Amino acid sequence: MAVLFAWAAYVQINDPDSGIWIAVYGAAALGSLLFALGKLPSWLGLIMGIAFLAGAFLSWPDTYEGVRFGERKMANLNIELGRESLGLGITALIFFLYSWRSRGRRIS
């Protein structure tokens, strides 16, 4: 997952608000790397999951128009916001899973 999140951060370079998304997916890549190395505390995975979920709710469009895939340009703002919200929601689920899998694990 760390490689996929790093790739997601990389492809945001041409996005108008790239700084936000590079930071978001960069943090997800780092968290995934920590999880893979057995160094992600359960509480940190939970906090990151909550933060990503909050971002998903905050970026949800006023009018949902779907999430078209395969297009390289923004069809309209609502579809773009839907995509961003979906990405954050998926990331939140992954970090909730990391948190659950890390509970009881001794971090050294």
PDB file of N, CA and C in Angstrom:
ATOM      1  N   MET A   1       0.822  -1.189   0.000  1.00  0.00           N
ATOM      2  CA  MET A   1       0.000   0.000   0.000  1.00  0.00           C
ATOM      3  C   MET A   1       0.866   1.252   0.000  1.00  0.00           C
ATOM      4  N   ALA A   2       2.025   1.182   0.640  1.00  0.00           N
ATOM      5  CA  ALA A   2       2.897   2.359   0.694  1.00  0.00           C
ATOM      6  C   ALA A   2       3.277   2.809  -0.712  1.00  0.00           C
ATOM      7  N   VAL A   3       3.570   1.853  -1.585  1.00  0.00           N
ATOM      8  CA  VAL A   3       3.937   2.192  -2.962  1.00  0.00           C
ATOM      9  C   VAL A   3       2.750   2.807  -3.694  1.00  0.00           C
ATOM     10  N   LEU A   4       1.556   2.263  -3.492  1.00  0.00           N
ATOM     11  CA  LEU A   4       0.371   2.818  -4.148  1.00  0.00           C
ATOM     12  C   LEU A   4       0.073   4.235  -3.669  1.00  0.00           C
ATOM     13  N   PHE A   5       0.203   4.470  -2.373  1.00  0.00           N
ATOM     14  CA  PHE A   5      -0.026   5.822  -1.864  1.00  0.00           C
ATOM     15  C   PHE A   5       1.063   6.782  -2.350  1.00  0.00           C
ATOM     16  N   ALA A   6       2.301   6.315  -2.441  1.00  0.00           N
ATOM     17  CA  ALA A   6       3.375   7.165  -2.969  1.00  0.00           C
ATOM     18  C   ALA A   6       3.094   7.518  -4.427  1.00  0.00           C
ATOM     19  N   TRP A   7       2.594   6.553  -5.193  1.00  0.00           N
ATOM     20  CA  TRP A   7       2.228   6.810  -6.587  1.00  0.00           C
ATOM     21  C   TRP A   7       1.075   7.816  -6.648  1.00  0.00           C
ATOM     22  N   ALA A   8       0.096   7.660  -5.776  1.00  0.00           N
ATOM     23  CA  ALA A   8      -1.028   8.604  -5.733  1.00  0.00           C
ATOM     24  C   ALA A   8      -0.529  10.010  -5.429  1.00  0.00           C
ATOM     25  N   ALA A   9       0.446  10.141  -4.540  1.00  0.00           N
ATOM     26  CA  ALA A   9       1.022  11.458  -4.236  1.00  0.00           C
ATOM     27  C   ALA A   9       1.736  12.017  -5.464  1.00  0.00           C
ATOM     28  N   TYR A  10       2.484  11.173  -6.151  1.00  0.00           N
ATOM     29  CA  TYR A  10       3.245  11.607  -7.323  1.00  0.00           C
ATOM     30  C   TYR A  10       2.341  12.120  -8.441  1.00  0.00           C
ATOM     31  N   VAL A  11       1.249  11.428  -8.716  1.00  0.00           N
ATOM     32  CA  VAL A  11       0.390  11.829  -9.838  1.00  0.00           C
ATOM     33  C   VAL A  11      -0.431  13.080  -9.539  1.00  0.00           C
ATOM     34  N   GLN A  12      -0.346  13.587  -8.324  1.00  0.00           N
ATOM     35  CA  GLN A  12      -1.056  14.824  -7.977  1.00  0.00           C
ATOM     36  C   GLN A  12      -0.289  16.073  -8.397  1.00  0.00           C
ATOM     37  N   ILE A  13       0.902  15.923  -8.932  1.00  0.00           N
ATOM     38  CA  ILE A  13       1.771  17.059  -9.240  1.00  0.00           C
ATOM     39  C   ILE A  13       1.067  18.104 -10.104  1.00  0.00           C
ATOM     40  N   ASN A  14       0.281  17.695 -11.084  1.00  0.00           N
ATOM     41  CA  ASN A  14      -0.379  18.639 -11.988  1.00  0.00           C
ATOM     42  C   ASN A  14      -1.731  19.113 -11.480  1.00  0.00           C
ATOM     43  N   ASP A  15      -2.163  18.657 -10.322  1.00  0.00           N
ATOM     44  CA  ASP A  15      -3.455  19.054  -9.765  1.00  0.00           C
ATOM     45  C   ASP A  15      -3.378  20.511  -9.299  1.00  0.00           C
ATOM     46  N   PRO A  16      -4.462  21.277  -9.487  1.00  0.00           N
ATOM     47  CA  PRO A  16      -4.438  22.679  -9.034  1.00  0.00           C
ATOM     48  C   PRO A  16      -4.164  22.836  -7.537  1.00  0.00           C
ATOM     49  N   ASP A  17      -4.645  21.908  -6.728  1.00  0.00           N
ATOM     50  CA  ASP A  17      -4.380  21.964  -5.282  1.00  0.00           C
ATOM     51  C   ASP A  17      -3.462  20.804  -4.882  1.00  0.00           C
ATOM     52  N   SER A  18      -2.372  20.679  -5.644  1.00  0.00           N
ATOM     53  CA  SER A  18      -1.478  19.529  -5.492  1.00  0.00           C
ATOM     54  C   SER A  18      -0.837  19.432  -4.112  1.00  0.00           C
ATOM     55  N   GLY A  19      -0.530  20.556  -3.496  1.00  0.00           N
ATOM     56  CA  GLY A  19       0.136  20.522  -2.189  1.00  0.00           C
ATOM     57  C   GLY A  19      -0.649  19.755  -1.153  1.00  0.00           C
ATOM     58  N   ILE A  20      -1.951  19.968  -1.147  1.00  0.00           N
ATOM     59  CA  ILE A  20      -2.823  19.270  -0.195  1.00  0.00           C
ATOM     60  C   ILE A  20      -2.775  17.772  -0.437  1.00  0.00           C
ATOM     61  N   TRP A  21      -2.935  17.375  -1.705  1.00  0.00           N
ATOM     62  CA  TRP A  21      -3.055  15.950  -2.019  1.00  0.00           C
ATOM     63  C   TRP A  21      -1.729  15.220  -1.932  1.00  0.00           C
ATOM     64  N   ILE A  22      -0.635  15.908  -2.235  1.00  0.00           N
ATOM     65  CA  ILE A  22       0.677  15.286  -2.050  1.00  0.00           C
ATOM     66  C   ILE A  22       0.912  15.035  -0.563  1.00  0.00           C
ATOM     67  N   ALA A  23       0.527  15.994   0.278  1.00  0.00           N
ATOM     68  CA  ALA A  23       0.669  15.817   1.731  1.00  0.00           C
ATOM     69  C   ALA A  23      -0.222  14.683   2.239  1.00  0.00           C
ATOM     70  N   VAL A  24      -1.466  14.635   1.768  1.00  0.00           N
ATOM     71  CA  VAL A  24      -2.410  13.599   2.211  1.00  0.00           C
ATOM     72  C   VAL A  24      -1.895  12.213   1.841  1.00  0.00           C
ATOM     73  N   TYR A  25      -1.582  12.011   0.560  1.00  0.00           N
ATOM     74  CA  TYR A  25      -1.160  10.684   0.131  1.00  0.00           C
ATOM     75  C   TYR A  25       0.273  10.373   0.557  1.00  0.00           C
ATOM     76  N   GLY A  26       1.088  11.406   0.757  1.00  0.00           N
ATOM     77  CA  GLY A  26       2.421  11.188   1.324  1.00  0.00           C
ATOM     78  C   GLY A  26       2.326  10.677   2.753  1.00  0.00           C
ATOM     79  N   ALA A  27       1.425  11.276   3.541  1.00  0.00           N
ATOM     80  CA  ALA A  27       1.204  10.807   4.916  1.00  0.00           C
ATOM     81  C   ALA A  27       0.675   9.377   4.916  1.00  0.00           C
ATOM     82  N   ALA A  28      -0.218   9.077   3.977  1.00  0.00           N
ATOM     83  CA  ALA A  28      -0.753   7.717   3.883  1.00  0.00           C
ATOM     84  C   ALA A  28       0.349   6.730   3.497  1.00  0.00           C
ATOM     85  N   ALA A  29       1.258   7.144   2.608  1.00  0.00           N
ATOM     86  CA  ALA A  29       2.379   6.279   2.226  1.00  0.00           C
ATOM     87  C   ALA A  29       3.286   6.022   3.426  1.00  0.00           C
ATOM     88  N   LEU A  30       3.580   7.068   4.182  1.00  0.00           N
ATOM     89  CA  LEU A  30       4.426   6.917   5.368  1.00  0.00           C
ATOM     90  C   LEU A  30       3.755   6.024   6.413  1.00  0.00           C
ATOM     91  N   GLY A  31       2.465   6.247   6.656  1.00  0.00           N
ATOM     92  CA  GLY A  31       1.731   5.406   7.600  1.00  0.00           C
ATOM     93  C   GLY A  31       1.705   3.952   7.161  1.00  0.00           C
ATOM     94  N   SER A  32       1.544   3.721   5.860  1.00  0.00           N
ATOM     95  CA  SER A  32       1.531   2.353   5.337  1.00  0.00           C
ATOM     96  C   SER A  32       2.893   1.690   5.482  1.00  0.00           C
ATOM     97  N   LEU A  33       3.946   2.466   5.260  1.00  0.00           N
ATOM     98  CA  LEU A  33       5.293   1.930   5.442  1.00  0.00           C
ATOM     99  C   LEU A  33       5.523   1.553   6.903  1.00  0.00           C
ATOM    100  N   LEU A  34       5.105   2.425   7.814  1.00  0.00           N
ATOM    101  CA  LEU A  34       5.225   2.114   9.242  1.00  0.00           C
ATOM    102  C   LEU A  34       4.448   0.845   9.587  1.00  0.00           C
ATOM    103  N   PHE A  35       3.244   0.699   9.015  1.00  0.00           N
ATOM    104  CA  PHE A  35       2.457  -0.506   9.278  1.00  0.00           C
ATOM    105  C   PHE A  35       3.188  -1.746   8.757  1.00  0.00           C
ATOM    106  N   ALA A  36       3.713  -1.658   7.539  1.00  0.00           N
ATOM    107  CA  ALA A  36       4.411  -2.802   6.945  1.00  0.00           C
ATOM    108  C   ALA A  36       5.634  -3.200   7.762  1.00  0.00           C
ATOM    109  N   LEU A  37       6.270  -2.221   8.386  1.00  0.00           N
ATOM    110  CA  LEU A  37       7.451  -2.498   9.210  1.00  0.00           C
ATOM    111  C   LEU A  37       7.099  -2.872  10.644  1.00  0.00           C
ATOM    112  N   GLY A  38       5.800  -2.890  10.957  1.00  0.00           N
ATOM    113  CA  GLY A  38       5.361  -3.217  12.309  1.00  0.00           C
ATOM    114  C   GLY A  38       5.594  -2.093  13.298  1.00  0.00           C
ATOM    115  N   LYS A  39       5.694  -0.860  12.811  1.00  0.00           N
ATOM    116  CA  LYS A  39       6.011   0.293  13.661  1.00  0.00           C
ATOM    117  C   LYS A  39       4.847   1.271  13.800  1.00  0.00           C
ATOM    118  N   LEU A  40       3.682   0.959  13.268  1.00  0.00           N
ATOM    119  CA  LEU A  40       2.539   1.872  13.350  1.00  0.00           C
ATOM    120  C   LEU A  40       1.723   1.547  14.596  1.00  0.00           C
ATOM    121  N   PRO A  41       1.717   2.448  15.584  1.00  0.00           N
ATOM    122  CA  PRO A  41       0.892   2.208  16.770  1.00  0.00           C
ATOM    123  C   PRO A  41      -0.593   2.224  16.398  1.00  0.00           C
ATOM    124  N   SER A  42      -1.357   1.405  17.051  1.00  0.00           N
ATOM    125  CA  SER A  42      -2.791   1.322  16.781  1.00  0.00           C
ATOM    126  C   SER A  42      -3.464   2.679  16.899  1.00  0.00           C
ATOM    127  N   TRP A  43      -3.091   3.458  17.922  1.00  0.00           N
ATOM    128  CA  TRP A  43      -3.722   4.766  18.142  1.00  0.00           C
ATOM    129  C   TRP A  43      -3.433   5.724  16.993  1.00  0.00           C
ATOM    130  N   LEU A  44      -2.228   5.634  16.393  1.00  0.00           N
ATOM    131  CA  LEU A  44      -1.892   6.523  15.284  1.00  0.00           C
ATOM    132  C   LEU A  44      -2.682   6.148  14.031  1.00  0.00           C
ATOM    133  N   GLY A  45      -2.823   4.848  13.781  1.00  0.00           N
ATOM    134  CA  GLY A  45      -3.647   4.407  12.659  1.00  0.00           C
ATOM    135  C   GLY A  45      -5.081   4.876  12.810  1.00  0.00           C
ATOM    136  N   LEU A  46      -5.594   4.821  14.048  1.00  0.00           N
ATOM    137  CA  LEU A  46      -6.957   5.276  14.318  1.00  0.00           C
ATOM    138  C   LEU A  46      -7.087   6.780  14.090  1.00  0.00           C
ATOM    139  N   ILE A  47      -6.141   7.558  14.591  1.00  0.00           N
ATOM    140  CA  ILE A  47      -6.191   9.013  14.404  1.00  0.00           C
ATOM    141  C   ILE A  47      -6.104   9.372  12.920  1.00  0.00           C
ATOM    142  N   MET A  48      -5.219   8.702  12.193  1.00  0.00           N
ATOM    143  CA  MET A  48      -5.099   8.975  10.759  1.00  0.00           C
ATOM    144  C   MET A  48      -6.381   8.587  10.034  1.00  0.00           C
ATOM    145  N   GLY A  49      -6.973   7.444  10.406  1.00  0.00           N
ATOM    146  CA  GLY A  49      -8.234   7.035   9.800  1.00  0.00           C
ATOM    147  C   GLY A  49      -9.335   8.048  10.046  1.00  0.00           C
ATOM    148  N   ILE A  50      -9.417   8.557  11.266  1.00  0.00           N
ATOM    149  CA  ILE A  50     -10.428   9.572  11.597  1.00  0.00           C
ATOM    150  C   ILE A  50     -10.185  10.842  10.787  1.00  0.00           C
ATOM    151  N   ALA A  51      -8.920  11.249  10.665  1.00  0.00           N
ATOM    152  CA  ALA A  51      -8.594  12.453   9.888  1.00  0.00           C
ATOM    153  C   ALA A  51      -8.976  12.276   8.420  1.00  0.00           C
ATOM    154  N   PHE A  52      -8.663  11.117   7.840  1.00  0.00           N
ATOM    155  CA  PHE A  52      -9.022  10.870   6.444  1.00  0.00           C
ATOM    156  C   PHE A  52     -10.542  10.821   6.270  1.00  0.00           C
ATOM    157  N   LEU A  53     -11.240  10.213   7.227  1.00  0.00           N
ATOM    158  CA  LEU A  53     -12.702  10.152   7.156  1.00  0.00           C
ATOM    159  C   LEU A  53     -13.312  11.548   7.270  1.00  0.00           C
ATOM    160  N   ALA A  54     -12.769  12.370   8.157  1.00  0.00           N
ATOM    161  CA  ALA A  54     -13.247  13.755   8.280  1.00  0.00           C
ATOM    162  C   ALA A  54     -13.039  14.493   6.964  1.00  0.00           C
ATOM    163  N   GLY A  55     -11.885  14.290   6.341  1.00  0.00           N
ATOM    164  CA  GLY A  55     -11.626  14.907   5.039  1.00  0.00           C
ATOM    165  C   GLY A  55     -12.603  14.444   3.983  1.00  0.00           C
ATOM    166  N   ALA A  56     -12.971  13.155   4.022  1.00  0.00           N
ATOM    167  CA  ALA A  56     -13.943  12.633   3.060  1.00  0.00           C
ATOM    168  C   ALA A  56     -15.290  13.322   3.221  1.00  0.00           C
ATOM    169  N   PHE A  57     -15.717  13.505   4.462  1.00  0.00           N
ATOM    170  CA  PHE A  57     -16.995  14.186   4.698  1.00  0.00           C
ATOM    171  C   PHE A  57     -16.922  15.657   4.316  1.00  0.00           C
ATOM    172  N   LEU A  58     -15.817  16.307   4.641  1.00  0.00           N
ATOM    173  CA  LEU A  58     -15.681  17.735   4.344  1.00  0.00           C
ATOM    174  C   LEU A  58     -15.578  18.017   2.847  1.00  0.00           C
ATOM    175  N   SER A  59     -15.036  17.079   2.078  1.00  0.00           N
ATOM    176  CA  SER A  59     -14.899  17.304   0.641  1.00  0.00           C
ATOM    177  C   SER A  59     -16.085  16.773  -0.163  1.00  0.00           C
ATOM    178  N   TRP A  60     -17.068  16.186   0.509  1.00  0.00           N
ATOM    179  CA  TRP A  60     -18.249  15.670  -0.193  1.00  0.00           C
ATOM    180  C   TRP A  60     -18.954  16.816  -0.920  1.00  0.00           C
ATOM    181  N   PRO A  61     -19.317  16.627  -2.195  1.00  0.00           N
ATOM    182  CA  PRO A  61     -19.938  17.717  -2.958  1.00  0.00           C
ATOM    183  C   PRO A  61     -21.354  18.030  -2.482  1.00  0.00           C
ATOM    184  N   ASP A  62     -21.771  19.271  -2.709  1.00  0.00           N
ATOM    185  CA  ASP A  62     -23.143  19.670  -2.371  1.00  0.00           C
ATOM    186  C   ASP A  62     -24.153  18.845  -3.151  1.00  0.00           C
ATOM    187  N   THR A  63     -23.853  18.602  -4.424  1.00  0.00           N
ATOM    188  CA  THR A  63     -24.707  17.783  -5.287  1.00  0.00           C
ATOM    189  C   THR A  63     -23.861  16.650  -5.843  1.00  0.00           C
ATOM    190  N   TYR A  64     -24.185  15.421  -5.454  1.00  0.00           N
ATOM    191  CA  TYR A  64     -23.410  14.271  -5.912  1.00  0.00           C
ATOM    192  C   TYR A  64     -23.786  13.947  -7.351  1.00  0.00           C
ATOM    193  N   GLU A  65     -22.781  13.883  -8.226  1.00  0.00           N
ATOM    194  CA  GLU A  65     -23.006  13.586  -9.643  1.00  0.00           C
ATOM    195  C   GLU A  65     -22.214  12.374 -10.111  1.00  0.00           C
ATOM    196  N   GLY A  66     -21.749  11.580  -9.188  1.00  0.00           N
ATOM    197  CA  GLY A  66     -20.994  10.389  -9.555  1.00  0.00           C
ATOM    198  C   GLY A  66     -19.500  10.641  -9.516  1.00  0.00           C
ATOM    199  N   VAL A  67     -18.751   9.624  -9.892  1.00  0.00           N
ATOM    200  CA  VAL A  67     -17.287   9.709  -9.938  1.00  0.00           C
ATOM    201  C   VAL A  67     -16.803   9.039 -11.216  1.00  0.00           C
ATOM    202  N   ARG A  68     -16.731   9.771 -12.277  1.00  0.00           N
ATOM    203  CA  ARG A  68     -16.290   9.206 -13.557  1.00  0.00           C
ATOM    204  C   ARG A  68     -14.806   8.876 -13.495  1.00  0.00           C
ATOM    205  N   PHE A  69     -14.479   7.683 -13.953  1.00  0.00           N
ATOM    206  CA  PHE A  69     -13.083   7.252 -13.972  1.00  0.00           C
ATOM    207  C   PHE A  69     -12.577   7.233 -15.404  1.00  0.00           C
ATOM    208  N   GLY A  70     -11.291   7.318 -15.568  1.00  0.00           N
ATOM    209  CA  GLY A  70     -10.680   7.231 -16.885  1.00  0.00           C
ATOM    210  C   GLY A  70     -10.552   8.564 -17.590  1.00  0.00           C
ATOM    211  N   GLU A  71     -11.066   9.623 -17.004  1.00  0.00           N
ATOM    212  CA  GLU A  71     -10.942  10.946 -17.613  1.00  0.00           C
ATOM    213  C   GLU A  71      -9.729  11.643 -17.025  1.00  0.00           C
ATOM    214  N   ARG A  72      -8.978  12.317 -17.859  1.00  0.00           N
ATOM    215  CA  ARG A  72      -7.771  12.990 -17.391  1.00  0.00           C
ATOM    216  C   ARG A  72      -8.037  14.423 -16.955  1.00  0.00           C
ATOM    217  N   LYS A  73      -9.179  14.959 -17.315  1.00  0.00           N
ATOM    218  CA  LYS A  73      -9.473  16.333 -16.904  1.00  0.00           C
ATOM    219  C   LYS A  73     -10.733  16.351 -16.053  1.00  0.00           C
ATOM    220  N   MET A  74     -10.904  17.451 -15.357  1.00  0.00           N
ATOM    221  CA  MET A  74     -12.043  17.588 -14.461  1.00  0.00           C
ATOM    222  C   MET A  74     -13.308  17.851 -15.282  1.00  0.00           C
ATOM    223  N   ALA A  75     -14.322  16.981 -15.149  1.00  0.00           N
ATOM    224  CA  ALA A  75     -15.585  17.174 -15.855  1.00  0.00           C
ATOM    225  C   ALA A  75     -16.340  18.355 -15.253  1.00  0.00           C
ATOM    226  N   ASN A  76     -16.487  18.343 -13.944  1.00  0.00           N
ATOM    227  CA  ASN A  76     -17.048  19.484 -13.217  1.00  0.00           C
ATOM    228  C   ASN A  76     -16.647  19.361 -11.749  1.00  0.00           C
ATOM    229  N   LEU A  77     -16.896  20.411 -10.996  1.00  0.00           N
ATOM    230  CA  LEU A  77     -16.429  20.458  -9.609  1.00  0.00           C
ATOM    231  C   LEU A  77     -17.043  19.357  -8.749  1.00  0.00           C
ATOM    232  N   ASN A  78     -18.328  19.059  -8.938  1.00  0.00           N
ATOM    233  CA  ASN A  78     -18.974  18.040  -8.105  1.00  0.00           C
ATOM    234  C   ASN A  78     -18.384  16.654  -8.333  1.00  0.00           C
ATOM    235  N   ILE A  79     -18.062  16.330  -9.578  1.00  0.00           N
ATOM    236  CA  ILE A  79     -17.456  15.028  -9.866  1.00  0.00           C
ATOM    237  C   ILE A  79     -16.048  14.973  -9.275  1.00  0.00           C
ATOM    238  N   GLU A  80     -15.301  16.069  -9.386  1.00  0.00           N
ATOM    239  CA  GLU A  80     -13.956  16.122  -8.800  1.00  0.00           C
ATOM    240  C   GLU A  80     -14.015  15.970  -7.282  1.00  0.00           C
ATOM    241  N   LEU A  81     -14.946  16.662  -6.637  1.00  0.00           N
ATOM    242  CA  LEU A  81     -15.096  16.540  -5.185  1.00  0.00           C
ATOM    243  C   LEU A  81     -15.522  15.126  -4.796  1.00  0.00           C
ATOM    244  N   GLY A  82     -16.361  14.502  -5.614  1.00  0.00           N
ATOM    245  CA  GLY A  82     -16.759  13.120  -5.358  1.00  0.00           C
ATOM    246  C   GLY A  82     -15.574  12.174  -5.414  1.00  0.00           C
ATOM    247  N   ARG A  83     -14.704  12.379  -6.401  1.00  0.00           N
ATOM    248  CA  ARG A  83     -13.491  11.552  -6.507  1.00  0.00           C
ATOM    249  C   ARG A  83     -12.589  11.738  -5.289  1.00  0.00           C
ATOM    250  N   GLU A  84     -12.389  13.000  -4.914  1.00  0.00           N
ATOM    251  CA  GLU A  84     -11.530  13.287  -3.764  1.00  0.00           C
ATOM    252  C   GLU A  84     -12.097  12.665  -2.494  1.00  0.00           C
ATOM    253  N   SER A  85     -13.400  12.782  -2.320  1.00  0.00           N
ATOM    254  CA  SER A  85     -14.056  12.221  -1.144  1.00  0.00           C
ATOM    255  C   SER A  85     -13.933  10.698  -1.132  1.00  0.00           C
ATOM    256  N   LEU A  86     -14.127  10.080  -2.277  1.00  0.00           N
ATOM    257  CA  LEU A  86     -14.003   8.622  -2.371  1.00  0.00           C
ATOM    258  C   LEU A  86     -12.580   8.175  -2.029  1.00  0.00           C
ATOM    259  N   GLY A  87     -11.581   8.871  -2.557  1.00  0.00           N
ATOM    260  CA  GLY A  87     -10.191   8.529  -2.259  1.00  0.00           C
ATOM    261  C   GLY A  87      -9.877   8.629  -0.776  1.00  0.00           C
ATOM    262  N   LEU A  88     -10.365   9.690  -0.143  1.00  0.00           N
ATOM    263  CA  LEU A  88     -10.145   9.853   1.296  1.00  0.00           C
ATOM    264  C   LEU A  88     -10.896   8.792   2.096  1.00  0.00           C
ATOM    265  N   GLY A  89     -12.095   8.433   1.646  1.00  0.00           N
ATOM    266  CA  GLY A  89     -12.865   7.397   2.334  1.00  0.00           C
ATOM    267  C   GLY A  89     -12.182   6.041   2.271  1.00  0.00           C
ATOM    268  N   ILE A  90     -11.653   5.695   1.102  1.00  0.00           N
ATOM    269  CA  ILE A  90     -10.929   4.432   0.953  1.00  0.00           C
ATOM    270  C   ILE A  90      -9.678   4.437   1.831  1.00  0.00           C
ATOM    271  N   THR A  91      -8.975   5.564   1.843  1.00  0.00           N
ATOM    272  CA  THR A  91      -7.777   5.691   2.676  1.00  0.00           C
ATOM    273  C   THR A  91      -8.133   5.548   4.152  1.00  0.00           C
ATOM    274  N   ALA A  92      -9.244   6.142   4.567  1.00  0.00           N
ATOM    275  CA  ALA A  92      -9.697   6.016   5.961  1.00  0.00           C
ATOM    276  C   ALA A  92      -9.955   4.554   6.307  1.00  0.00           C
ATOM    277  N   LEU A  93     -10.638   3.831   5.427  1.00  0.00           N
ATOM    278  CA  LEU A  93     -10.916   2.412   5.691  1.00  0.00           C
ATOM    279  C   LEU A  93      -9.625   1.615   5.851  1.00  0.00           C
ATOM    280  N   ILE A  94      -8.646   1.896   5.007  1.00  0.00           N
ATOM    281  CA  ILE A  94      -7.365   1.195   5.098  1.00  0.00           C
ATOM    282  C   ILE A  94      -6.709   1.467   6.451  1.00  0.00           C
ATOM    283  N   PHE A  95      -6.756   2.718   6.906  1.00  0.00           N
ATOM    284  CA  PHE A  95      -6.111   3.039   8.183  1.00  0.00           C
ATOM    285  C   PHE A  95      -6.891   2.505   9.377  1.00  0.00           C
ATOM    286  N   PHE A  96      -8.203   2.394   9.262  1.00  0.00           N
ATOM    287  CA  PHE A  96      -8.957   1.735  10.330  1.00  0.00           C
ATOM    288  C   PHE A  96      -8.569   0.259  10.392  1.00  0.00           C
ATOM    289  N   LEU A  97      -8.355  -0.352   9.232  1.00  0.00           N
ATOM    290  CA  LEU A  97      -7.890  -1.741   9.198  1.00  0.00           C
ATOM    291  C   LEU A  97      -6.490  -1.852   9.800  1.00  0.00           C
ATOM    292  N   TYR A  98      -5.603  -0.932   9.455  1.00  0.00           N
ATOM    293  CA  TYR A  98      -4.263  -0.926  10.059  1.00  0.00           C
ATOM    294  C   TYR A  98      -4.358  -0.831  11.580  1.00  0.00           C
ATOM    295  N   SER A  99      -5.198   0.068  12.065  1.00  0.00           N
ATOM    296  CA  SER A  99      -5.346   0.259  13.509  1.00  0.00           C
ATOM    297  C   SER A  99      -5.824  -1.024  14.170  1.00  0.00           C
ATOM    298  N   TRP A 100      -6.806  -1.657  13.564  1.00  0.00           N
ATOM    299  CA  TRP A 100      -7.354  -2.900  14.112  1.00  0.00           C
ATOM    300  C   TRP A 100      -6.299  -4.005  14.116  1.00  0.00           C
ATOM    301  N   ARG A 101      -5.544  -4.100  13.016  1.00  0.00           N
ATOM    302  CA  ARG A 101      -4.515  -5.137  12.913  1.00  0.00           C
ATOM    303  C   ARG A 101      -3.325  -4.869  13.832  1.00  0.00           C
ATOM    304  N   SER A 102      -3.100  -3.597  14.194  1.00  0.00           N
ATOM    305  CA  SER A 102      -1.956  -3.227  15.036  1.00  0.00           C
ATOM    306  C   SER A 102      -2.250  -3.303  16.525  1.00  0.00           C
ATOM    307  N   ARG A 103      -3.509  -3.431  16.899  1.00  0.00           N
ATOM    308  CA  ARG A 103      -3.825  -3.396  18.330  1.00  0.00           C
ATOM    309  C   ARG A 103      -3.173  -4.589  19.028  1.00  0.00           C
ATOM    310  N   GLY A 104      -2.621  -4.319  20.173  1.00  0.00           N
ATOM    311  CA  GLY A 104      -1.952  -5.357  20.942  1.00  0.00           C
ATOM    312  C   GLY A 104      -0.536  -5.656  20.481  1.00  0.00           C
ATOM    313  N   ARG A 105      -0.131  -5.057  19.359  1.00  0.00           N
ATOM    314  CA  ARG A 105       1.224  -5.279  18.848  1.00  0.00           C
ATOM    315  C   ARG A 105       2.192  -4.395  19.618  1.00  0.00           C
ATOM    316  N   ARG A 106       3.265  -4.977  20.053  1.00  0.00           N
ATOM    317  CA  ARG A 106       4.275  -4.198  20.789  1.00  0.00           C
ATOM    318  C   ARG A 106       5.181  -3.509  19.773  1.00  0.00           C
ATOM    319  N   ILE A 107       5.235  -2.183  19.867  1.00  0.00           N
ATOM    320  CA  ILE A 107       6.068  -1.387  18.966  1.00  0.00           C
ATOM    321  C   ILE A 107       7.428  -1.192  19.622  1.00  0.00           C
ATOM    322  N   SER A 108       8.492  -1.577  18.890  1.00  0.00           N
ATOM    323  CA  SER A 108       9.835  -1.424  19.474  1.00  0.00           C
ATOM    324  C   SER A 108      10.644  -0.401  18.713  1.00  0.00           C
TER     325      SER A 108
END
